[in-house]
Structure formats: structure tokens, C-alpha cells
C-alpha atoms as a PDB file:
ATOM      1  CA  MET A   1    -209.552 130.612-126.008  1.00  0.00           C
ATOM      2  CA  ASN A   2    -212.076 132.956-124.340  1.00  0.00           C
ATOM      3  CA  PHE A   3    -209.474 133.771-121.690  1.00  0.00           C
ATOM      4  CA  ARG A   4    -207.017 134.894-124.417  1.00  0.00           C
ATOM      5  CA  LEU A   5    -209.673 137.043-126.127  1.00  0.00           C
ATOM      6  CA  ALA A   6    -210.579 138.631-122.820  1.00  0.00           C
ATOM      7  CA  ALA A   7    -206.893 139.308-122.050  1.00  0.00           C
ATOM      8  CA  LEU A   8    -206.374 140.780-125.523  1.00  0.00           C
ATOM      9  CA  ALA A   9    -209.455 143.006-125.168  1.00  0.00           C
ATOM     10  CA  ALA A  10    -208.312 144.189-121.740  1.00  0.00           C
ATOM     11  CA  SER A  11    -204.817 144.891-123.081  1.00  0.00           C
ATOM     12  CA  MET A  12    -206.205 146.890-126.030  1.00  0.00           C
ATOM     13  CA  THR A  13    -208.486 148.889-123.727  1.00  0.00           C
ATOM     14  CA  VAL A  14    -205.573 149.811-121.439  1.00  0.00           C
ATOM     15  CA  SER A  15    -203.460 150.765-124.480  1.00  0.00           C
ATOM     16  CA  LEU A  16    -206.194 153.002-125.897  1.00  0.00           C
ATOM     17  CA  LEU A  17    -206.747 154.700-122.556  1.00  0.00           C
ATOM     18  CA  ALA A  18    -203.010 155.356-122.287  1.00  0.00           C
ATOM     19  CA  LEU A  19    -202.919 157.229-125.619  1.00  0.00           C
ATOM     20  CA  PRO A  20    -202.845 160.992-125.127  1.00  0.00           C
ATOM     21  CA  ALA A  21    -205.782 162.939-126.529  1.00  0.00           C
ATOM     22  CA  SER A  22    -204.631 164.984-129.492  1.00  0.00           C
ATOM     23  CA  ALA A  23    -206.627 168.070-128.440  1.00  0.00           C
ATOM     24  CA  ALA A  24    -204.852 170.008-125.700  1.00  0.00           C
ATOM     25  CA  ASP A  25    -205.532 173.154-123.689  1.00  0.00           C
ATOM     26  CA  TYR A  26    -202.911 175.920-123.538  1.00  0.00           C
ATOM     27  CA  VAL A  27    -202.443 179.153-121.598  1.00  0.00           C
ATOM     28  CA  ILE A  28    -200.810 181.997-123.519  1.00  0.00           C
ATOM     29  CA  ASP A  29    -197.396 182.711-121.971  1.00  0.00           C
ATOM     30  CA  THR A  30    -197.612 186.439-121.265  1.00  0.00           C
ATOM     31  CA  LYS A  31    -195.908 186.055-117.867  1.00  0.00           C
ATOM     32  CA  ASN A  32    -192.530 185.521-119.538  1.00  0.00           C
ATOM     33  CA  ALA A  33    -193.223 187.840-122.498  1.00  0.00           C
ATOM     34  CA  HIS A  34    -193.419 184.983-124.994  1.00  0.00           C
ATOM     35  CA  ALA A  35    -196.455 186.520-126.684  1.00  0.00           C
ATOM     36  CA  SER A  36    -197.284 189.908-128.151  1.00  0.00           C
ATOM     37  CA  ILE A  37    -200.118 191.899-129.685  1.00  0.00           C
ATOM     38  CA  THR A  38    -198.740 194.685-131.843  1.00  0.00           C
ATOM     39  CA  PHE A  39    -200.315 197.035-134.358  1.00  0.00           C
ATOM     40  CA  ARG A  40    -199.477 199.546-137.025  1.00  0.00           C
ATOM     41  CA  ILE A  41    -201.421 202.350-138.652  1.00  0.00           C
ATOM     42  CA  LYS A  42    -200.325 204.788-141.330  1.00  0.00           C
ATOM     43  CA  HIS A  43    -199.474 208.284-140.187  1.00  0.00           C
ATOM     44  CA  LEU A  44    -200.609 210.793-142.808  1.00  0.00           C
ATOM     45  CA  GLY A  45    -199.786 208.166-145.427  1.00  0.00           C
ATOM     46  CA  PHE A  46    -196.080 208.948-144.975  1.00  0.00           C
ATOM     47  CA  SER A  47    -194.959 206.415-142.365  1.00  0.00           C
ATOM     48  CA  TRP A  48    -196.143 203.678-140.006  1.00  0.00           C
ATOM     49  CA  LEU A  49    -197.016 204.418-136.404  1.00  0.00           C
ATOM     50  CA  THR A  50    -196.450 201.222-134.420  1.00  0.00           C
ATOM     51  CA  GLY A  51    -197.458 200.118-130.959  1.00  0.00           C
ATOM     52  CA  ARG A  52    -198.486 197.256-128.738  1.00  0.00           C
ATOM     53  CA  PHE A  53    -200.720 196.241-125.878  1.00  0.00           C
ATOM     54  CA  ASP A  54    -198.554 195.413-122.880  1.00  0.00           C
ATOM     55  CA  LYS A  55    -201.210 193.519-120.896  1.00  0.00           C
ATOM     56  CA  PHE A  56    -203.363 190.704-122.189  1.00  0.00           C
ATOM     57  CA  SER A  57    -204.215 187.116-121.349  1.00  0.00           C
ATOM     58  CA  GLY A  58    -205.791 184.163-123.046  1.00  0.00           C
ATOM     59  CA  ASN A  59    -205.993 180.499-123.760  1.00  0.00           C
ATOM     60  CA  PHE A  60    -206.552 178.179-126.655  1.00  0.00           C
ATOM     61  CA  THR A  61    -207.306 174.579-127.473  1.00  0.00           C
ATOM     62  CA  PHE A  62    -205.289 173.038-130.293  1.00  0.00           C
ATOM     63  CA  ASP A  63    -205.631 169.662-131.950  1.00  0.00           C
ATOM     64  CA  ASP A  64    -202.879 169.047-134.507  1.00  0.00           C
ATOM     65  CA  LYS A  65    -204.817 166.074-135.899  1.00  0.00           C
ATOM     66  CA  ASN A  66    -207.971 168.172-136.322  1.00  0.00           C
ATOM     67  CA  PRO A  67    -207.033 171.889-136.404  1.00  0.00           C
ATOM     68  CA  ASP A  68    -210.614 172.855-137.272  1.00  0.00           C
ATOM     69  CA  ALA A  69    -211.614 171.833-133.715  1.00  0.00           C
ATOM     70  CA  SER A  70    -209.283 174.452-132.208  1.00  0.00           C
ATOM     71  CA  LYS A  71    -210.554 177.401-130.135  1.00  0.00           C
ATOM     72  CA  VAL A  72    -209.056 180.722-129.014  1.00  0.00           C
ATOM     73  CA  LYS A  73    -210.025 183.264-126.368  1.00  0.00           C
ATOM     74  CA  VAL A  74    -208.068 186.466-125.589  1.00  0.00           C
ATOM     75  CA  GLU A  75    -208.685 189.459-123.311  1.00  0.00           C
ATOM     76  CA  ILE A  76    -206.755 192.709-123.860  1.00  0.00           C
ATOM     77  CA  ASP A  77    -206.282 195.525-121.359  1.00  0.00           C
ATOM     78  CA  THR A  78    -206.749 198.501-123.693  1.00  0.00           C
ATOM     79  CA  THR A  79    -205.326 200.877-121.064  1.00  0.00           C
ATOM     80  CA  SER A  80    -201.960 199.172-121.643  1.00  0.00           C
ATOM     81  CA  ILE A  81    -201.592 200.612-125.167  1.00  0.00           C
ATOM     82  CA  ASP A  82    -197.990 201.682-125.729  1.00  0.00           C
ATOM     83  CA  THR A  83    -196.580 203.533-128.748  1.00  0.00           C
ATOM     84  CA  ASN A  84    -193.407 204.641-126.959  1.00  0.00           C
ATOM     85  CA  HIS A  85    -194.761 208.196-126.691  1.00  0.00           C
ATOM     86  CA  ALA A  86    -196.556 209.120-123.434  1.00  0.00           C
ATOM     87  CA  GLU A  87    -198.597 212.053-124.799  1.00  0.00           C
ATOM     88  CA  ARG A  88    -199.782 210.078-127.825  1.00  0.00           C
ATOM     89  CA  ASP A  89    -200.684 207.093-125.607  1.00  0.00           C
ATOM     90  CA  LYS A  90    -202.734 209.417-123.388  1.00  0.00           C
ATOM     91  CA  HIS A  91    -204.574 210.660-126.488  1.00  0.00           C
ATOM     92  CA  LEU A  92    -205.173 207.096-127.766  1.00  0.00           C
ATOM     93  CA  ARG A  93    -206.831 206.273-124.410  1.00  0.00           C
ATOM     94  CA  ALA A  94    -209.070 209.381-124.643  1.00  0.00           C
ATOM     95  CA  ALA A  95    -212.815 209.425-125.324  1.00  0.00           C
ATOM     96  CA  ASP A  96    -212.486 210.269-129.039  1.00  0.00           C
ATOM     97  CA  LEU A  97    -210.380 207.152-129.718  1.00  0.00           C
ATOM     98  CA  LEU A  98    -210.244 203.996-127.536  1.00  0.00           C
ATOM     99  CA  ASP A  99    -212.116 205.605-124.604  1.00  0.00           C
ATOM    100  CA  THR A 100    -210.389 203.264-122.169  1.00  0.00           C
ATOM    101  CA  ASP A 101    -212.170 204.761-119.125  1.00  0.00           C
ATOM    102  CA  LYS A 102    -215.441 203.435-120.552  1.00  0.00           C
ATOM    103  CA  PHE A 103    -214.034 200.396-122.433  1.00  0.00           C
ATOM    104  CA  PRO A 104    -210.931 199.145-120.546  1.00  0.00           C
ATOM    105  CA  THR A 105    -211.094 195.683-122.102  1.00  0.00           C
ATOM    106  CA  ALA A 106    -211.218 194.217-125.601  1.00  0.00           C
ATOM    107  CA  THR A 107    -211.971 190.532-126.157  1.00  0.00           C
ATOM    108  CA  PHE A 108    -211.704 188.013-128.964  1.00  0.00           C
ATOM    109  CA  GLU A 109    -213.386 184.614-128.989  1.00  0.00           C
ATOM    110  CA  SER A 110    -213.191 182.285-131.958  1.00  0.00           C
ATOM    111  CA  THR A 111    -216.310 180.827-133.541  1.00  0.00           C
ATOM    112  CA  SER A 112    -214.569 178.684-136.175  1.00  0.00           C
ATOM    113  CA  VAL A 113    -211.128 177.591-137.319  1.00  0.00           C
ATOM    114  CA  LYS A 114    -210.617 176.426-140.898  1.00  0.00           C
ATOM    115  CA  ALA A 115    -207.326 174.947-142.049  1.00  0.00           C
ATOM    116  CA  SER A 116    -206.143 176.720-145.208  1.00  0.00           C
ATOM    117  CA  GLY A 117    -202.897 174.847-145.902  1.00  0.00           C
ATOM    118  CA  PRO A 118    -200.087 173.093-144.059  1.00  0.00           C
ATOM    119  CA  ASP A 119    -199.821 174.778-140.638  1.00  0.00           C
ATOM    120  CA  LYS A 120    -202.124 177.610-141.804  1.00  0.00           C
ATOM    121  CA  ALA A 121    -205.687 178.461-140.822  1.00  0.00           C
ATOM    122  CA  LYS A 122    -208.310 181.171-140.895  1.00  0.00           C
ATOM    123  CA  ILE A 123    -209.618 181.871-137.413  1.00  0.00           C
ATOM    124  CA  THR A 124    -212.992 183.587-137.409  1.00  0.00           C
ATOM    125  CA  GLY A 125    -214.467 185.011-134.246  1.00  0.00           C
ATOM    126  CA  ASN A 126    -216.030 187.941-132.444  1.00  0.00           C
ATOM    127  CA  LEU A 127    -213.873 190.912-131.489  1.00  0.00           C
ATOM    128  CA  THR A 128    -215.349 193.316-128.958  1.00  0.00           C
ATOM    129  CA  LEU A 129    -213.524 196.648-129.064  1.00  0.00           C
ATOM    130  CA  HIS A 130    -214.733 200.074-127.968  1.00  0.00           C
ATOM    131  CA  GLY A 131    -218.019 198.469-126.890  1.00  0.00           C
ATOM    132  CA  VAL A 132    -218.759 197.111-130.377  1.00  0.00           C
ATOM    133  CA  THR A 133    -218.688 193.423-131.322  1.00  0.00           C
ATOM    134  CA  LYS A 134    -217.826 192.499-134.907  1.00  0.00           C
ATOM    135  CA  GLU A 135    -216.798 189.310-136.634  1.00  0.00           C
ATOM    136  CA  ILE A 136    -213.189 189.305-137.832  1.00  0.00           C
ATOM    137  CA  THR A 137    -210.903 186.748-139.456  1.00  0.00           C
ATOM    138  CA  ILE A 138    -207.272 186.184-138.472  1.00  0.00           C
ATOM    139  CA  ASP A 139    -204.844 184.630-140.950  1.00  0.00           C
ATOM    140  CA  ALA A 140    -202.890 182.297-138.665  1.00  0.00           C
ATOM    141  CA  GLU A 141    -199.831 180.100-139.021  1.00  0.00           C
ATOM    142  CA  ARG A 142    -198.455 177.485-136.656  1.00  0.00           C
ATOM    143  CA  LEU A 143    -194.747 178.093-136.120  1.00  0.00           C
ATOM    144  CA  GLY A 144    -194.086 174.875-134.230  1.00  0.00           C
ATOM    145  CA  GLY A 145    -194.535 172.920-131.073  1.00  0.00           C
ATOM    146  CA  GLY A 146    -192.620 170.626-128.774  1.00  0.00           C
ATOM    147  CA  LYS A 147    -191.079 170.053-125.368  1.00  0.00           C
ATOM    148  CA  ASP A 148    -189.509 173.021-123.627  1.00  0.00           C
ATOM    149  CA  PRO A 149    -186.375 172.984-121.399  1.00  0.00           C
ATOM    150  CA  TRP A 150    -188.503 173.045-118.220  1.00  0.00           C
ATOM    151  CA  GLY A 151    -190.354 169.779-118.817  1.00  0.00           C
ATOM    152  CA  GLY A 152    -193.448 171.302-120.384  1.00  0.00           C
ATOM    153  CA  TYR A 153    -194.848 171.396-123.894  1.00  0.00           C
ATOM    154  CA  ARG A 154    -195.467 174.520-125.976  1.00  0.00           C
ATOM    155  CA  ASP A 155    -197.038 175.478-129.285  1.00  0.00           C
ATOM    156  CA  GLY A 156    -196.483 178.748-131.118  1.00  0.00           C
ATOM    157  CA  PHE A 157    -198.553 180.671-133.649  1.00  0.00           C
ATOM    158  CA  THR A 158    -198.537 183.969-135.493  1.00  0.00           C
ATOM    159  CA  GLY A 159    -201.465 185.792-137.036  1.00  0.00           C
ATOM    160  CA  THR A 160    -202.541 188.997-138.750  1.00  0.00           C
ATOM    161  CA  THR A 161    -205.795 190.824-139.332  1.00  0.00           C
ATOM    162  CA  GLU A 162    -206.902 194.281-140.437  1.00  0.00           C
ATOM    163  CA  LEU A 163    -209.584 196.313-138.678  1.00  0.00           C
ATOM    164  CA  THR A 164    -211.572 199.251-140.015  1.00  0.00           C
ATOM    165  CA  LEU A 165    -211.736 201.715-137.112  1.00  0.00           C
ATOM    166  CA  ALA A 166    -215.223 203.016-137.991  1.00  0.00           C
ATOM    167  CA  ASP A 167    -216.594 199.453-137.750  1.00  0.00           C
ATOM    168  CA  PHE A 168    -215.855 199.651-134.020  1.00  0.00           C
ATOM    169  CA  GLY A 169    -217.303 203.127-133.522  1.00  0.00           C
ATOM    170  CA  ILE A 170    -213.919 204.879-133.602  1.00  0.00           C
ATOM    171  CA  ASN A 171    -214.798 207.764-135.883  1.00  0.00           C
ATOM    172  CA  ARG A 172    -211.982 210.213-135.220  1.00  0.00           C
ATOM    173  CA  ASP A 173    -210.692 211.498-138.589  1.00  0.00           C
ATOM    174  CA  LEU A 174    -207.049 210.458-138.717  1.00  0.00           C
ATOM    175  CA  GLY A 175    -206.749 211.151-142.457  1.00  0.00           C
ATOM    176  CA  PRO A 176    -207.639 209.105-145.539  1.00  0.00           C
ATOM    177  CA  ALA A 177    -204.634 206.763-145.171  1.00  0.00           C
ATOM    178  CA  SER A 178    -205.493 205.916-141.561  1.00  0.00           C
ATOM    179  CA  LYS A 179    -208.907 204.293-141.755  1.00  0.00           C
ATOM    180  CA  THR A 180    -207.594 200.812-140.937  1.00  0.00           C
ATOM    181  CA  VAL A 181    -205.177 199.330-138.439  1.00  0.00           C
ATOM    182  CA  GLU A 182    -203.187 196.124-138.864  1.00  0.00           C
ATOM    183  CA  LEU A 183    -202.892 193.767-135.894  1.00  0.00           C
ATOM    184  CA  MET A 184    -200.053 191.270-135.552  1.00  0.00           C
ATOM    185  CA  LEU A 185    -200.349 188.474-132.992  1.00  0.00           C
ATOM    186  CA  ASN A 186    -197.539 186.241-131.785  1.00  0.00           C
ATOM    187  CA  VAL A 187    -198.642 183.582-129.340  1.00  0.00           C
ATOM    188  CA  GLU A 188    -196.730 180.924-127.449  1.00  0.00           C
ATOM    189  CA  GLY A 189    -198.936 178.674-125.364  1.00  0.00           C
ATOM    190  CA  ILE A 190    -198.013 176.347-122.506  1.00  0.00           C
ATOM    191  CA  ARG A 191    -199.900 173.055-122.515  1.00  0.00           C
ATOM    192  CA  GLN A 192    -201.892 172.543-119.336  1.00  0.00           C
END
């Protein structure tokens, strides 16, 4: 009888150890351009000026059983700003705007993730931009996850947030319609 209990206990222990942990670490797939950070800001209130950051990197931890335990960390090369207009990009890098000579990097690190519906969450964290760190919230949505054709596993998310430029010490007067910029994030992560 004791032998059977011991065998059952050993079998259950092995089975539990074989279960995969539901929290997993991911690297954002920027190498194959499966992620993007884009933005838009109103131009004179008449149209949208759009652009992107071509170089960034990051990672995240995601637990589909407990999304609130997830974490995100991203680093952006602000010198890689690209609005498809070389002269404008040069001006955006200048001292009166992003001042990329002095602040070549922006970072975001989450401090909390709160599920707000099926596959939706509010990610709060600290954004450091232009040498200023402020708390922001990203409205995020999980697009899906699963095995990829190369034998790996991926998860994908999208998110949006709005930044007030003056909050980050960017005080250049771009007109009354251009006080804020919208950021759009599309992230595909490869499970490590």
C-alpha cells in the first residue's frame, strides 16, 4: 500500500514538473521587421504628419493565465526617427525638438499591467523621453499567439497611447492642434 502511494506521489511530482510554466519571456522581433513604433501628430490642424522609429529593441514577459503579472521593457533609438522627409527628420532631431545628440535613447519600462477585458489590458509604466521620465498608460490588446513555421512560439500585441509634448520638456510651439502626439505600437515577440 505504501509502495503504491509512494509511486503515485512520484508520478504526480514528475507530471507537475513536466508542465510548462504559463509565464514566458519573449524578445521583440525587430530583426525581421515584425514590430513597429509609429506616431502621428496634427499638422496645423489640417492633416496628420506620420512617422516611425526605425530602430528599437525590447522584451516582455507574458502569462496568459495571469496577464497582470506581465512586464514590458523597450528601448528606442530616437536618432532613427523617420517621417519620409530628410529635412524634416533633421529638424525633429534638432535641439529644439527631440535633441537626439543629447538624448539618443528613449525607454519604457512597465510598472503594472491590468487586464481590462478579454485580450485587453492597460499597461502603465515609466517613459523616459528627451531626458524626462513620466508615467504613461498604454491601451493594449493581444492579437494572438501560437507556433510559428520555424518551430518557435510567438505572441503579438498592439497598443496606443497619447503623449503631451510639453510633459517631456519639448516646448517648441507647433501650433494649438499639435500639442500631443499619438503613438501606435505593434509588437510580435519570440518566446525564449
